């Protein structure tokens, strides 16, 4: 079996030092001339060198992995969010790891510990059962998906289900509809919509 090319091989082929190759791999463009960087990149391509991401993460303390933790993927809203997050992060070289908790506190905790153990760089979470202090204790940059009062100390992105439901009800009312029903989903996802439905009536 052929031996994998190493950073030493890249240095030899490109005619530069091992430390220069290392700087190119770490993206230290400010201290490496453009021509030298192109030489190193050409050498890597010619011998089939690929960077060891695990070893690199130990040096830089970055894994370029972000966990997306959701309670379910059944709602068609979440695949669109997943695609959007993945597309946005891929442009910066990050990968998204999807985890589904099935609304179970134990699974949420297990996935969060996995994110810590595997040194994930960040977390995007739509929390189901996990309390905010446990998420904060991870020490990871975190974005909460969905508007949650108890998570007010976190960066948060979400839609206002209460206002959206009121606007939908008002529209139906202006169209002349008076017997409007409400289909109850899971408690966590439907509570604000039910409150809007009740307040409207």
N, C-alpha and C. Protein backbone atom coordinates (compact mmCIF):
# COMPACT_ATOMS: atom_id res chain seq x y z
N UNK A 1 0.84 -1.19 0.00
CA UNK A 1 0.00 0.00 0.00
C UNK A 1 0.89 1.26 0.00
N UNK A 2 0.59 2.17 -0.90
CA UNK A 2 1.41 3.38 -1.05
C UNK A 2 1.30 4.26 0.19
N UNK A 3 2.43 4.82 0.57
CA UNK A 3 2.47 5.70 1.73
C UNK A 3 1.83 7.05 1.37
N UNK A 4 1.03 7.58 2.29
CA UNK A 4 0.40 8.87 2.05
C UNK A 4 1.44 9.98 2.07
N UNK A 5 1.30 10.95 1.16
CA UNK A 5 2.24 12.08 1.17
C UNK A 5 2.14 12.85 2.47
N UNK A 6 3.27 13.35 2.93
CA UNK A 6 3.31 14.12 4.18
C UNK A 6 3.70 15.56 3.89
N UNK A 7 3.68 16.36 4.94
CA UNK A 7 4.07 17.76 4.83
C UNK A 7 5.54 17.88 4.41
N UNK A 8 6.34 16.89 4.78
CA UNK A 8 7.75 16.88 4.38
C UNK A 8 7.87 16.71 2.87
N UNK A 9 7.02 15.83 2.31
CA UNK A 9 7.02 15.63 0.86
C UNK A 9 6.60 16.90 0.12
N UNK A 10 5.62 17.60 0.68
CA UNK A 10 5.17 18.86 0.06
C UNK A 10 6.31 19.87 0.07
N UNK A 11 7.02 19.96 1.19
CA UNK A 11 8.14 20.90 1.31
C UNK A 11 9.22 20.58 0.28
N UNK A 12 9.53 19.28 0.12
CA UNK A 12 10.58 18.87 -0.81
C UNK A 12 10.18 19.21 -2.26
N UNK A 13 8.94 18.88 -2.63
CA UNK A 13 8.49 19.10 -4.01
C UNK A 13 8.39 20.59 -4.33
N UNK A 14 7.92 21.37 -3.37
CA UNK A 14 7.72 22.80 -3.61
C UNK A 14 8.99 23.62 -3.42
N UNK A 15 10.01 23.01 -2.81
CA UNK A 15 11.27 23.70 -2.61
C UNK A 15 11.25 24.75 -1.52
N UNK A 16 10.38 24.55 -0.53
CA UNK A 16 10.31 25.48 0.61
C UNK A 16 10.47 24.69 1.89
N UNK A 17 10.53 25.39 3.01
CA UNK A 17 10.69 24.72 4.30
C UNK A 17 9.35 24.12 4.77
N UNK A 18 9.49 23.18 5.69
CA UNK A 18 8.31 22.55 6.29
C UNK A 18 7.46 23.59 7.01
N UNK A 19 8.11 24.56 7.66
CA UNK A 19 7.37 25.59 8.40
C UNK A 19 6.57 26.47 7.45
N UNK A 20 7.11 26.71 6.24
CA UNK A 20 6.38 27.51 5.25
C UNK A 20 5.13 26.76 4.79
N UNK A 21 5.28 25.46 4.54
CA UNK A 21 4.12 24.64 4.16
C UNK A 21 3.08 24.70 5.27
N UNK A 22 3.53 24.60 6.51
CA UNK A 22 2.62 24.66 7.66
C UNK A 22 1.85 25.97 7.69
N UNK A 23 2.55 27.07 7.40
CA UNK A 23 1.88 28.38 7.41
C UNK A 23 0.83 28.45 6.31
N UNK A 24 1.11 27.87 5.16
CA UNK A 24 0.13 27.85 4.07
C UNK A 24 -1.10 27.04 4.50
N UNK A 25 -0.87 25.90 5.12
CA UNK A 25 -1.97 25.03 5.56
C UNK A 25 -2.83 25.71 6.62
N UNK A 26 -2.20 26.55 7.44
CA UNK A 26 -2.94 27.24 8.50
C UNK A 26 -3.55 28.56 8.04
N UNK A 27 -3.34 28.88 6.76
CA UNK A 27 -3.97 30.08 6.21
C UNK A 27 -3.31 31.37 6.63
N UNK A 28 -2.04 31.31 6.96
CA UNK A 28 -1.32 32.52 7.38
C UNK A 28 -0.82 33.27 6.14
N UNK A 29 -1.76 33.74 5.34
CA UNK A 29 -1.42 34.37 4.06
C UNK A 29 -0.59 35.65 4.23
N UNK A 30 -0.72 36.31 5.35
CA UNK A 30 -0.02 37.58 5.55
C UNK A 30 1.50 37.40 5.63
N UNK A 31 1.94 36.20 6.02
CA UNK A 31 3.38 35.98 6.17
C UNK A 31 3.96 35.09 5.07
N UNK A 32 3.14 34.71 4.08
CA UNK A 32 3.60 33.87 2.97
C UNK A 32 3.33 34.62 1.67
N UNK A 33 4.36 34.76 0.84
CA UNK A 33 4.19 35.44 -0.44
C UNK A 33 3.23 34.66 -1.34
N UNK A 34 2.49 35.37 -2.17
CA UNK A 34 1.50 34.73 -3.04
C UNK A 34 2.14 33.66 -3.92
N UNK A 35 3.30 33.96 -4.49
CA UNK A 35 3.97 33.00 -5.38
C UNK A 35 4.36 31.74 -4.62
N UNK A 36 4.84 31.91 -3.38
CA UNK A 36 5.22 30.76 -2.56
C UNK A 36 3.99 29.92 -2.23
N UNK A 37 2.89 30.59 -1.87
CA UNK A 37 1.66 29.86 -1.55
C UNK A 37 1.20 29.05 -2.76
N UNK A 38 1.29 29.65 -3.96
CA UNK A 38 0.86 28.93 -5.17
C UNK A 38 1.77 27.73 -5.42
N UNK A 39 3.08 27.89 -5.15
CA UNK A 39 4.01 26.76 -5.30
C UNK A 39 3.62 25.60 -4.39
N UNK A 40 3.33 25.93 -3.14
CA UNK A 40 2.96 24.91 -2.16
C UNK A 40 1.66 24.23 -2.56
N UNK A 41 0.67 25.01 -2.95
CA UNK A 41 -0.62 24.44 -3.36
C UNK A 41 -0.47 23.55 -4.59
N UNK A 42 0.38 23.95 -5.53
CA UNK A 42 0.63 23.14 -6.72
C UNK A 42 1.31 21.82 -6.34
N UNK A 43 2.25 21.90 -5.40
CA UNK A 43 2.95 20.69 -4.95
C UNK A 43 1.98 19.73 -4.27
N UNK A 44 1.09 20.27 -3.44
CA UNK A 44 0.10 19.43 -2.77
C UNK A 44 -0.78 18.71 -3.78
N UNK A 45 -1.21 19.45 -4.80
CA UNK A 45 -2.07 18.87 -5.82
C UNK A 45 -1.33 17.80 -6.62
N UNK A 46 -0.05 18.05 -6.93
CA UNK A 46 0.70 17.13 -7.78
C UNK A 46 0.99 15.80 -7.10
N UNK A 47 1.17 15.81 -5.77
CA UNK A 47 1.49 14.56 -5.07
C UNK A 47 0.28 13.98 -4.33
N UNK A 48 -0.86 14.68 -4.41
CA UNK A 48 -2.09 14.16 -3.77
C UNK A 48 -2.10 14.29 -2.27
N UNK A 49 -1.49 15.37 -1.77
CA UNK A 49 -1.47 15.59 -0.32
C UNK A 49 -2.82 16.13 0.14
N UNK A 50 -3.33 15.57 1.24
CA UNK A 50 -4.54 16.11 1.87
C UNK A 50 -4.24 16.36 3.33
N UNK A 51 -4.74 17.48 3.80
CA UNK A 51 -4.46 17.91 5.18
C UNK A 51 -5.12 16.97 6.19
N UNK A 52 -4.42 16.64 7.26
CA UNK A 52 -4.96 15.84 8.35
C UNK A 52 -5.78 16.76 9.25
N UNK A 53 -7.11 16.68 9.09
CA UNK A 53 -7.98 17.61 9.82
C UNK A 53 -7.91 17.41 11.33
N UNK A 54 -7.75 16.14 11.76
CA UNK A 54 -7.70 15.86 13.21
C UNK A 54 -6.45 16.48 13.82
N UNK A 55 -5.31 16.25 13.17
CA UNK A 55 -4.06 16.84 13.68
C UNK A 55 -4.13 18.35 13.63
N UNK A 56 -4.71 18.88 12.57
CA UNK A 56 -4.83 20.33 12.45
C UNK A 56 -5.68 20.93 13.54
N UNK A 57 -6.74 20.20 13.93
CA UNK A 57 -7.64 20.73 14.96
C UNK A 57 -6.95 20.80 16.31
N UNK A 58 -6.00 19.89 16.54
CA UNK A 58 -5.26 19.92 17.81
C UNK A 58 -4.35 21.14 17.88
N UNK A 59 -3.83 21.56 16.71
CA UNK A 59 -2.95 22.73 16.68
C UNK A 59 -3.74 24.02 16.76
N UNK A 60 -4.83 24.07 16.03
CA UNK A 60 -5.56 25.33 15.90
C UNK A 60 -6.75 25.45 16.85
N UNK A 61 -7.12 24.33 17.49
CA UNK A 61 -8.29 24.29 18.36
C UNK A 61 -9.59 24.56 17.57
N UNK A 62 -9.57 24.22 16.28
CA UNK A 62 -10.76 24.34 15.43
C UNK A 62 -10.99 23.03 14.69
N UNK A 63 -12.22 22.57 14.69
CA UNK A 63 -12.56 21.35 13.96
C UNK A 63 -13.35 21.65 12.68
N UNK A 64 -13.81 22.89 12.54
CA UNK A 64 -14.65 23.29 11.41
C UNK A 64 -15.91 22.43 11.31
N UNK A 65 -16.43 22.06 12.48
CA UNK A 65 -17.70 21.32 12.55
C UNK A 65 -18.67 22.07 13.46
N UNK A 66 -19.91 22.15 13.02
CA UNK A 66 -20.97 22.80 13.80
C UNK A 66 -22.10 21.80 13.96
N UNK A 67 -22.58 21.62 15.18
CA UNK A 67 -23.71 20.72 15.40
C UNK A 67 -25.03 21.47 15.26
N UNK A 68 -25.95 20.88 14.51
CA UNK A 68 -27.32 21.37 14.42
C UNK A 68 -28.18 20.37 15.16
N UNK A 69 -28.70 20.76 16.32
CA UNK A 69 -29.48 19.86 17.17
C UNK A 69 -30.95 20.25 17.13
N UNK A 70 -31.77 19.35 16.59
CA UNK A 70 -33.20 19.58 16.44
C UNK A 70 -33.98 18.49 17.15
N UNK A 71 -35.20 18.79 17.61
CA UNK A 71 -36.01 17.74 18.24
C UNK A 71 -36.61 16.78 17.23
N UNK A 72 -36.77 17.24 15.97
CA UNK A 72 -37.39 16.41 14.93
C UNK A 72 -37.04 16.99 13.57
N UNK A 73 -37.06 16.16 12.56
CA UNK A 73 -36.85 16.64 11.20
C UNK A 73 -38.14 16.45 10.37
N UNK A 74 -39.22 16.01 11.03
CA UNK A 74 -40.47 15.71 10.33
C UNK A 74 -41.15 16.96 9.78
N UNK A 75 -41.05 18.07 10.51
CA UNK A 75 -41.64 19.32 10.05
C UNK A 75 -40.86 19.80 8.82
N UNK A 76 -41.55 20.03 7.69
CA UNK A 76 -40.83 20.45 6.46
C UNK A 76 -40.09 21.78 6.59
N UNK A 77 -40.32 22.51 7.68
CA UNK A 77 -39.59 23.75 7.93
C UNK A 77 -38.11 23.49 8.17
N UNK A 78 -37.81 22.39 8.89
CA UNK A 78 -36.44 22.15 9.34
C UNK A 78 -35.49 21.70 8.25
N UNK A 79 -35.90 20.89 7.27
CA UNK A 79 -34.96 20.60 6.17
C UNK A 79 -34.50 21.86 5.44
N UNK A 80 -35.40 22.82 5.28
CA UNK A 80 -35.02 24.08 4.62
C UNK A 80 -34.01 24.84 5.46
N UNK A 81 -34.21 24.86 6.78
CA UNK A 81 -33.26 25.52 7.69
C UNK A 81 -31.90 24.81 7.63
N UNK A 82 -31.93 23.48 7.61
CA UNK A 82 -30.71 22.69 7.56
C UNK A 82 -29.91 23.00 6.29
N UNK A 83 -30.61 23.03 5.16
CA UNK A 83 -29.94 23.35 3.90
C UNK A 83 -29.34 24.75 3.94
N UNK A 84 -30.10 25.71 4.47
CA UNK A 84 -29.63 27.08 4.53
C UNK A 84 -28.39 27.22 5.40
N UNK A 85 -28.41 26.57 6.56
CA UNK A 85 -27.26 26.63 7.47
C UNK A 85 -26.04 25.98 6.83
N UNK A 86 -26.26 24.83 6.22
CA UNK A 86 -25.16 24.11 5.59
C UNK A 86 -24.54 24.95 4.46
N UNK A 87 -25.38 25.53 3.63
CA UNK A 87 -24.88 26.34 2.51
C UNK A 87 -24.08 27.55 3.01
N UNK A 88 -24.59 28.20 4.06
CA UNK A 88 -23.92 29.39 4.60
C UNK A 88 -22.57 29.03 5.22
N UNK A 89 -22.52 27.93 5.95
CA UNK A 89 -21.29 27.56 6.63
C UNK A 89 -20.26 26.94 5.70
N UNK A 90 -20.74 26.22 4.68
CA UNK A 90 -19.81 25.57 3.73
C UNK A 90 -18.94 26.61 3.03
N UNK A 91 -19.49 27.78 2.82
CA UNK A 91 -18.73 28.85 2.15
C UNK A 91 -17.51 29.25 2.96
N UNK A 92 -17.53 28.99 4.28
CA UNK A 92 -16.39 29.31 5.15
C UNK A 92 -15.61 28.06 5.55
N UNK A 93 -15.92 26.93 4.90
CA UNK A 93 -15.17 25.71 5.17
C UNK A 93 -15.67 24.87 6.32
N UNK A 94 -16.88 25.15 6.82
CA UNK A 94 -17.43 24.39 7.94
C UNK A 94 -18.39 23.30 7.46
N UNK A 95 -18.47 22.24 8.23
CA UNK A 95 -19.43 21.16 7.97
C UNK A 95 -20.48 21.15 9.07
N UNK A 96 -21.71 20.80 8.72
CA UNK A 96 -22.80 20.72 9.69
C UNK A 96 -23.08 19.25 10.02
N UNK A 97 -23.12 18.95 11.30
CA UNK A 97 -23.47 17.61 11.76
C UNK A 97 -24.87 17.68 12.36
N UNK A 98 -25.81 16.95 11.76
CA UNK A 98 -27.21 17.00 12.19
C UNK A 98 -27.47 15.95 13.27
N UNK A 99 -28.11 16.39 14.37
CA UNK A 99 -28.48 15.49 15.46
C UNK A 99 -29.95 15.69 15.78
N UNK A 100 -30.69 14.60 15.96
CA UNK A 100 -32.13 14.64 16.23
C UNK A 100 -32.40 14.05 17.61
N UNK A 101 -33.00 14.83 18.50
CA UNK A 101 -33.20 14.38 19.88
C UNK A 101 -34.53 13.66 20.12
N UNK A 102 -35.45 13.73 19.15
CA UNK A 102 -36.78 13.12 19.31
C UNK A 102 -37.50 13.62 20.57
N UNK A 103 -37.27 14.89 20.89
CA UNK A 103 -37.90 15.54 22.06
C UNK A 103 -37.50 14.90 23.38
N UNK A 104 -36.41 14.15 23.41
CA UNK A 104 -35.98 13.46 24.62
C UNK A 104 -34.82 14.20 25.29
N UNK A 105 -34.99 14.52 26.56
CA UNK A 105 -33.95 15.24 27.30
C UNK A 105 -32.64 14.47 27.32
N UNK A 106 -32.73 13.15 27.53
CA UNK A 106 -31.52 12.33 27.57
C UNK A 106 -30.73 12.38 26.28
N UNK A 107 -31.44 12.38 25.16
CA UNK A 107 -30.76 12.44 23.86
C UNK A 107 -30.15 13.82 23.62
N UNK A 108 -30.87 14.87 24.04
CA UNK A 108 -30.31 16.21 23.92
C UNK A 108 -29.00 16.31 24.69
N UNK A 109 -29.00 15.81 25.92
CA UNK A 109 -27.80 15.86 26.74
C UNK A 109 -26.66 15.06 26.11
N UNK A 110 -26.98 13.88 25.58
CA UNK A 110 -25.96 13.02 24.97
C UNK A 110 -25.33 13.71 23.77
N UNK A 111 -26.15 14.36 22.94
CA UNK A 111 -25.60 15.04 21.77
C UNK A 111 -24.77 16.26 22.15
N UNK A 112 -25.19 16.97 23.18
CA UNK A 112 -24.42 18.12 23.61
C UNK A 112 -23.05 17.69 24.15
N UNK A 113 -23.03 16.57 24.87
CA UNK A 113 -21.75 16.06 25.36
C UNK A 113 -20.87 15.59 24.19
N UNK A 114 -21.52 15.05 23.15
CA UNK A 114 -20.77 14.65 21.95
C UNK A 114 -20.13 15.88 21.30
N UNK A 115 -20.89 16.97 21.25
CA UNK A 115 -20.36 18.21 20.67
C UNK A 115 -19.15 18.69 21.46
N UNK A 116 -19.22 18.60 22.79
CA UNK A 116 -18.08 19.02 23.62
C UNK A 116 -16.91 18.07 23.45
N UNK A 117 -17.20 16.77 23.50
CA UNK A 117 -16.14 15.75 23.43
C UNK A 117 -15.38 15.82 22.10
N UNK A 118 -16.11 16.09 21.04
CA UNK A 118 -15.49 16.14 19.71
C UNK A 118 -15.06 17.54 19.29
N UNK A 119 -15.08 18.46 20.26
CA UNK A 119 -14.54 19.81 20.07
C UNK A 119 -15.20 20.55 18.92
N UNK A 120 -16.52 20.45 18.83
CA UNK A 120 -17.24 21.20 17.80
C UNK A 120 -17.00 22.70 18.02
N UNK A 121 -17.00 23.44 16.93
CA UNK A 121 -16.72 24.87 17.03
C UNK A 121 -17.93 25.68 17.47
N UNK A 122 -19.14 25.17 17.21
CA UNK A 122 -20.34 25.94 17.54
C UNK A 122 -21.55 25.02 17.54
N UNK A 123 -22.66 25.57 18.01
CA UNK A 123 -23.91 24.82 18.13
C UNK A 123 -25.07 25.68 17.66
N UNK A 124 -25.95 25.08 16.85
CA UNK A 124 -27.24 25.69 16.52
C UNK A 124 -28.29 24.73 17.05
N UNK A 125 -29.19 25.20 17.88
CA UNK A 125 -30.12 24.29 18.57
C UNK A 125 -31.53 24.84 18.63
N UNK A 126 -32.49 23.95 18.38
CA UNK A 126 -33.89 24.23 18.67
C UNK A 126 -34.22 23.39 19.89
N UNK A 127 -34.09 23.95 21.09
CA UNK A 127 -34.18 23.14 22.31
C UNK A 127 -35.60 22.62 22.55
N UNK A 128 -35.65 21.36 23.01
CA UNK A 128 -36.94 20.76 23.34
C UNK A 128 -37.12 20.68 24.85
N UNK A 129 -36.17 20.06 25.53
CA UNK A 129 -36.28 19.86 26.98
C UNK A 129 -35.09 20.45 27.75
N UNK A 130 -33.98 20.59 27.09
CA UNK A 130 -32.74 20.97 27.78
C UNK A 130 -32.83 22.37 28.37
N UNK A 131 -32.49 22.57 29.63
CA UNK A 131 -32.52 23.91 30.22
C UNK A 131 -31.37 24.78 29.71
N UNK A 132 -31.58 26.08 29.65
CA UNK A 132 -30.55 26.96 29.08
C UNK A 132 -29.22 26.92 29.81
N UNK A 133 -29.23 26.70 31.12
CA UNK A 133 -27.97 26.70 31.86
C UNK A 133 -27.07 25.53 31.44
N UNK A 134 -27.68 24.42 31.02
CA UNK A 134 -26.87 23.28 30.57
C UNK A 134 -26.23 23.58 29.21
N UNK A 135 -26.94 24.30 28.36
CA UNK A 135 -26.38 24.68 27.07
C UNK A 135 -25.25 25.69 27.29
N UNK A 136 -25.48 26.65 28.17
CA UNK A 136 -24.46 27.66 28.46
C UNK A 136 -23.20 27.03 29.03
N UNK A 137 -23.36 25.97 29.83
CA UNK A 137 -22.22 25.32 30.48
C UNK A 137 -21.26 24.69 29.48
N UNK A 138 -21.71 24.44 28.24
CA UNK A 138 -20.83 23.87 27.23
C UNK A 138 -19.71 24.83 26.85
N UNK A 139 -20.00 26.13 26.94
CA UNK A 139 -19.02 27.12 26.55
C UNK A 139 -18.83 27.24 25.05
N UNK A 140 -19.79 26.74 24.27
CA UNK A 140 -19.71 26.82 22.81
C UNK A 140 -20.48 28.04 22.30
N UNK A 141 -19.98 28.69 21.26
CA UNK A 141 -20.82 29.71 20.60
C UNK A 141 -22.11 29.06 20.15
N UNK A 142 -23.24 29.61 20.56
CA UNK A 142 -24.53 28.95 20.33
C UNK A 142 -25.56 29.92 19.75
N UNK A 143 -26.31 29.42 18.78
CA UNK A 143 -27.46 30.15 18.25
C UNK A 143 -28.69 29.31 18.53
N UNK A 144 -29.69 29.90 19.18
CA UNK A 144 -30.95 29.22 19.45
C UNK A 144 -31.90 29.50 18.29
N UNK A 145 -32.45 28.42 17.75
CA UNK A 145 -33.40 28.54 16.64
C UNK A 145 -34.81 28.49 17.21
N UNK A 146 -35.52 29.59 17.09
CA UNK A 146 -36.83 29.70 17.71
C UNK A 146 -36.77 30.71 18.83
N UNK A 147 -37.85 31.43 19.03
CA UNK A 147 -37.88 32.48 20.06
C UNK A 147 -38.25 31.87 21.40
N UNK A 148 -37.34 31.91 22.35
CA UNK A 148 -37.54 31.33 23.69
C UNK A 148 -37.17 32.35 24.75
N UNK A 149 -38.13 32.73 25.58
CA UNK A 149 -37.84 33.71 26.63
C UNK A 149 -36.78 33.21 27.59
N UNK A 150 -36.79 31.93 27.89
CA UNK A 150 -35.82 31.39 28.86
C UNK A 150 -34.41 31.37 28.30
N UNK A 151 -34.27 31.53 26.99
CA UNK A 151 -32.95 31.54 26.36
C UNK A 151 -32.54 32.95 25.96
N UNK A 152 -33.04 33.95 26.65
CA UNK A 152 -32.82 35.34 26.27
C UNK A 152 -31.35 35.75 26.28
N UNK A 153 -30.49 35.01 26.98
CA UNK A 153 -29.08 35.34 27.03
C UNK A 153 -28.29 34.84 25.83
N UNK A 154 -28.95 34.14 24.90
CA UNK A 154 -28.29 33.57 23.74
C UNK A 154 -28.64 34.36 22.48
N UNK A 155 -27.77 34.26 21.47
CA UNK A 155 -28.15 34.73 20.14
C UNK A 155 -29.31 33.87 19.67
N UNK A 156 -30.31 34.49 19.06
CA UNK A 156 -31.54 33.79 18.75
C UNK A 156 -32.07 34.19 17.38
N UNK A 157 -32.56 33.21 16.63
CA UNK A 157 -33.18 33.46 15.34
C UNK A 157 -34.50 32.70 15.32
N UNK A 158 -35.58 33.38 14.96
CA UNK A 158 -36.86 32.67 14.93
C UNK A 158 -37.96 33.49 14.31
N UNK A 159 -39.09 32.86 14.20
CA UNK A 159 -40.28 33.54 13.68
C UNK A 159 -41.28 33.70 14.83
N UNK A 160 -42.08 34.73 14.76
CA UNK A 160 -43.06 35.00 15.81
C UNK A 160 -44.36 34.28 15.47
N UNK A 161 -44.51 33.06 16.01
CA UNK A 161 -45.69 32.25 15.71
C UNK A 161 -46.98 32.89 16.20
N UNK A 162 -46.90 33.60 17.33
CA UNK A 162 -48.10 34.23 17.88
C UNK A 162 -48.63 35.30 16.92
N UNK A 163 -47.75 36.22 16.49
CA UNK A 163 -48.17 37.29 15.58
C UNK A 163 -48.58 36.72 14.23
N UNK A 164 -47.83 35.72 13.74
CA UNK A 164 -48.16 35.11 12.46
C UNK A 164 -49.53 34.46 12.48
N UNK A 165 -49.87 33.80 13.59
CA UNK A 165 -51.18 33.16 13.71
C UNK A 165 -52.29 34.21 13.78
N UNK A 166 -52.06 35.29 14.53
CA UNK A 166 -53.05 36.37 14.60
C UNK A 166 -53.30 36.96 13.21
N UNK A 167 -52.25 37.18 12.45
CA UNK A 167 -52.41 37.75 11.12
C UNK A 167 -53.18 36.81 10.20
N UNK A 168 -52.91 35.52 10.32
CA UNK A 168 -53.66 34.54 9.51
C UNK A 168 -55.13 34.53 9.89
N UNK A 169 -55.40 34.59 11.19
CA UNK A 169 -56.79 34.60 11.65
C UNK A 169 -57.52 35.88 11.20
N UNK A 170 -56.82 37.00 11.30
CA UNK A 170 -57.42 38.26 10.86
C UNK A 170 -57.74 38.23 9.36
N UNK A 171 -56.84 37.62 8.58
CA UNK A 171 -57.08 37.51 7.14
C UNK A 171 -58.31 36.65 6.87
N UNK A 172 -58.40 35.51 7.55
CA UNK A 172 -59.56 34.64 7.35
C UNK A 172 -60.85 35.35 7.75
N UNK A 173 -60.77 36.15 8.81
CA UNK A 173 -61.95 36.88 9.28
C UNK A 173 -62.39 37.92 8.25
N UNK A 174 -61.41 38.63 7.64
CA UNK A 174 -61.78 39.62 6.62
C UNK A 174 -62.36 38.97 5.38
N UNK A 175 -62.04 37.67 5.17
CA UNK A 175 -62.59 36.94 4.03
C UNK A 175 -63.99 36.41 4.32
N UNK A 176 -64.49 36.68 5.54
CA UNK A 176 -65.84 36.28 5.89
C UNK A 176 -65.96 34.97 6.64
N UNK A 177 -64.83 34.35 6.96
CA UNK A 177 -64.87 33.07 7.69
C UNK A 177 -65.06 33.32 9.18
N UNK A 178 -66.01 32.58 9.76
CA UNK A 178 -66.30 32.76 11.18
C UNK A 178 -66.10 31.47 11.99
N UNK A 179 -66.21 30.34 11.35
CA UNK A 179 -66.02 29.06 12.06
C UNK A 179 -64.62 28.54 11.71
N UNK A 180 -63.65 29.00 12.46
CA UNK A 180 -62.25 28.68 12.19
C UNK A 180 -61.75 27.69 13.24
N UNK A 181 -61.21 26.58 12.79
CA UNK A 181 -60.72 25.54 13.70
C UNK A 181 -59.22 25.66 13.92
N UNK A 182 -58.74 24.94 14.91
CA UNK A 182 -57.32 24.92 15.23
C UNK A 182 -56.89 23.47 15.43
N UNK A 183 -55.88 23.02 14.68
CA UNK A 183 -55.37 21.65 14.81
C UNK A 183 -54.14 21.70 15.71
N UNK A 184 -54.22 21.04 16.83
CA UNK A 184 -53.17 21.06 17.83
C UNK A 184 -52.07 20.08 17.45
N UNK A 185 -50.81 20.57 17.43
CA UNK A 185 -49.67 19.69 17.17
C UNK A 185 -48.99 19.35 18.48
N UNK A 186 -47.66 19.22 18.46
CA UNK A 186 -46.95 18.96 19.72
C UNK A 186 -47.05 20.21 20.58
N UNK A 187 -47.03 20.00 21.89
CA UNK A 187 -47.26 21.12 22.81
C UNK A 187 -46.24 22.23 22.64
N UNK A 188 -44.97 21.85 22.48
CA UNK A 188 -43.93 22.85 22.38
C UNK A 188 -44.06 23.74 21.16
N UNK A 189 -44.49 23.14 20.04
CA UNK A 189 -44.55 23.90 18.80
C UNK A 189 -45.87 24.62 18.61
N UNK A 190 -46.92 24.29 19.39
CA UNK A 190 -48.25 24.85 19.15
C UNK A 190 -48.74 25.80 20.23
N UNK A 191 -48.02 25.92 21.34
CA UNK A 191 -48.52 26.70 22.47
C UNK A 191 -48.78 28.16 22.09
N UNK A 192 -47.83 28.81 21.42
CA UNK A 192 -48.01 30.22 21.08
C UNK A 192 -49.11 30.40 20.04
N UNK A 193 -49.25 29.43 19.14
CA UNK A 193 -50.32 29.52 18.14
C UNK A 193 -51.69 29.38 18.80
N UNK A 194 -51.77 28.47 19.78
CA UNK A 194 -53.04 28.28 20.49
C UNK A 194 -53.40 29.53 21.29
N UNK A 195 -52.36 30.17 21.88
CA UNK A 195 -52.62 31.40 22.64
C UNK A 195 -53.16 32.49 21.72
N UNK A 196 -52.61 32.58 20.51
CA UNK A 196 -53.10 33.57 19.54
C UNK A 196 -54.52 33.24 19.14
N UNK A 197 -54.80 31.97 18.93
CA UNK A 197 -56.16 31.54 18.55
C UNK A 197 -57.16 31.90 19.64
N UNK A 198 -56.77 31.64 20.90
CA UNK A 198 -57.64 31.95 22.03
C UNK A 198 -57.83 33.45 22.19
N UNK A 199 -56.75 34.24 22.06
CA UNK A 199 -56.85 35.68 22.21
C UNK A 199 -57.70 36.29 21.10
N UNK A 200 -57.63 35.74 19.91
CA UNK A 200 -58.39 36.28 18.79
C UNK A 200 -59.89 36.11 19.03
N UNK A 201 -60.24 35.00 19.65
CA UNK A 201 -61.65 34.74 19.91
C UNK A 201 -62.08 35.32 21.24
